[in-house]
């Protein structure tokens, strides 16, 4: 019994909570069209293991913000069973 309780506590501590937007990511604009006058900062893949599109997007926006991007163009959304992945390109636009 003692062992099972410790195992439950460890699992609860290691489980990943909802993907929150960083303050920087809140400033990243999601684009509906690929920009022509912006610098590419890199590609990102936002993921959520329980299939939430919103939380996968939050993950992608956080990654874009870490690259110093001001905008994110979503190239593809890929649901895969219970998982969701969002592929995008991060841009710095003036």
Protein backbone atom coordinates (compact mmCIF):
# COMPACT_ATOMS: atom_id res chain seq x y z
CA UNK A 1 0.00 0.00 0.00
CA UNK A 2 2.79 2.40 0.93
CA UNK A 3 4.59 1.63 -2.34
CA UNK A 4 1.46 2.27 -4.46
CA UNK A 5 0.83 5.62 -2.77
CA UNK A 6 4.42 6.74 -3.44
CA UNK A 7 4.11 5.64 -7.06
CA UNK A 8 0.90 7.67 -7.50
CA UNK A 9 2.54 10.76 -6.03
CA UNK A 10 5.55 10.39 -8.33
CA UNK A 11 3.32 9.98 -11.38
CA UNK A 12 1.30 13.06 -10.47
CA UNK A 13 4.45 15.14 -10.03
CA UNK A 14 5.92 14.04 -13.35
CA UNK A 15 2.78 14.51 -15.44
CA UNK A 16 2.87 17.48 -17.76
CA UNK A 17 0.20 20.09 -17.11
CA UNK A 18 -1.54 22.17 -19.76
CA UNK A 19 0.85 23.98 -22.09
CA UNK A 20 0.71 27.61 -20.98
CA UNK A 21 1.73 30.47 -23.26
CA UNK A 22 4.81 32.35 -22.20
CA UNK A 23 4.56 36.14 -22.02
CA UNK A 24 6.70 36.36 -25.18
CA UNK A 25 4.50 33.83 -27.02
CA UNK A 26 1.41 35.94 -26.33
CA UNK A 27 2.97 38.58 -28.62
CA UNK A 28 3.52 36.16 -31.54
CA UNK A 29 0.93 36.66 -34.27
CA UNK A 30 -0.56 33.61 -36.03
CA UNK A 31 -0.60 34.22 -39.80
CA UNK A 32 -3.20 32.86 -42.21
CA UNK A 33 -0.92 33.36 -45.24
CA UNK A 34 2.81 32.78 -45.72
CA UNK A 35 4.53 36.19 -45.49
CA UNK A 36 6.79 37.46 -48.25
CA UNK A 37 8.67 40.25 -46.48
CA UNK A 38 9.73 38.55 -43.22
CA UNK A 39 12.86 36.73 -42.12
CA UNK A 40 12.55 33.00 -41.43
CA UNK A 41 13.64 32.24 -37.87
CA UNK A 42 13.09 28.48 -38.05
CA UNK A 43 10.58 25.63 -38.14
CA UNK A 44 8.60 24.51 -35.11
CA UNK A 45 6.48 21.50 -34.24
CA UNK A 46 3.89 22.04 -31.54
CA UNK A 47 2.70 18.83 -29.90
CA UNK A 48 0.07 17.72 -27.43
CA UNK A 49 -0.17 14.07 -26.44
CA UNK A 50 -3.88 14.22 -25.60
CA UNK A 51 -5.03 15.68 -28.93
CA UNK A 52 -5.69 19.31 -28.00
CA UNK A 53 -5.23 21.58 -31.01
CA UNK A 54 -5.16 24.67 -28.77
CA UNK A 55 -2.42 23.28 -26.53
CA UNK A 56 -0.37 22.08 -29.51
CA UNK A 57 -0.63 25.62 -30.91
CA UNK A 58 0.51 27.01 -27.54
CA UNK A 59 3.55 24.72 -27.74
CA UNK A 60 4.33 25.95 -31.28
CA UNK A 61 3.93 29.61 -30.24
CA UNK A 62 6.24 29.11 -27.24
CA UNK A 63 8.87 27.60 -29.54
CA UNK A 64 8.50 30.46 -32.04
CA UNK A 65 8.92 33.01 -29.25
CA UNK A 66 12.12 31.28 -28.10
CA UNK A 67 13.46 31.73 -31.65
CA UNK A 68 12.75 35.47 -31.43
CA UNK A 69 9.85 35.34 -33.89
CA UNK A 70 7.06 37.87 -34.13
CA UNK A 71 4.82 35.68 -36.30
CA UNK A 72 3.98 32.02 -36.91
CA UNK A 73 2.61 30.55 -40.12
CA UNK A 74 0.89 27.19 -39.61
CA UNK A 75 1.79 24.84 -42.46
CA UNK A 76 -0.02 21.71 -41.31
CA UNK A 77 -2.11 20.31 -38.46
CA UNK A 78 -1.74 16.57 -38.01
CA UNK A 79 -4.03 14.62 -35.67
CA UNK A 80 -2.65 11.15 -34.97
CA UNK A 81 -4.89 9.09 -32.75
CA UNK A 82 -4.85 10.81 -29.36
CA UNK A 83 -1.94 13.08 -30.34
CA UNK A 84 -1.91 16.41 -32.19
CA UNK A 85 1.02 18.02 -33.99
CA UNK A 86 1.15 21.46 -35.56
CA UNK A 87 3.93 22.19 -38.04
CA UNK A 88 4.79 25.82 -38.62
CA UNK A 89 7.42 28.33 -39.67
CA UNK A 90 8.46 31.12 -37.31
CA UNK A 91 9.13 34.56 -38.82
CA UNK A 92 10.49 37.90 -37.67
CA UNK A 93 8.46 40.62 -39.38
CA UNK A 94 9.21 44.35 -39.12
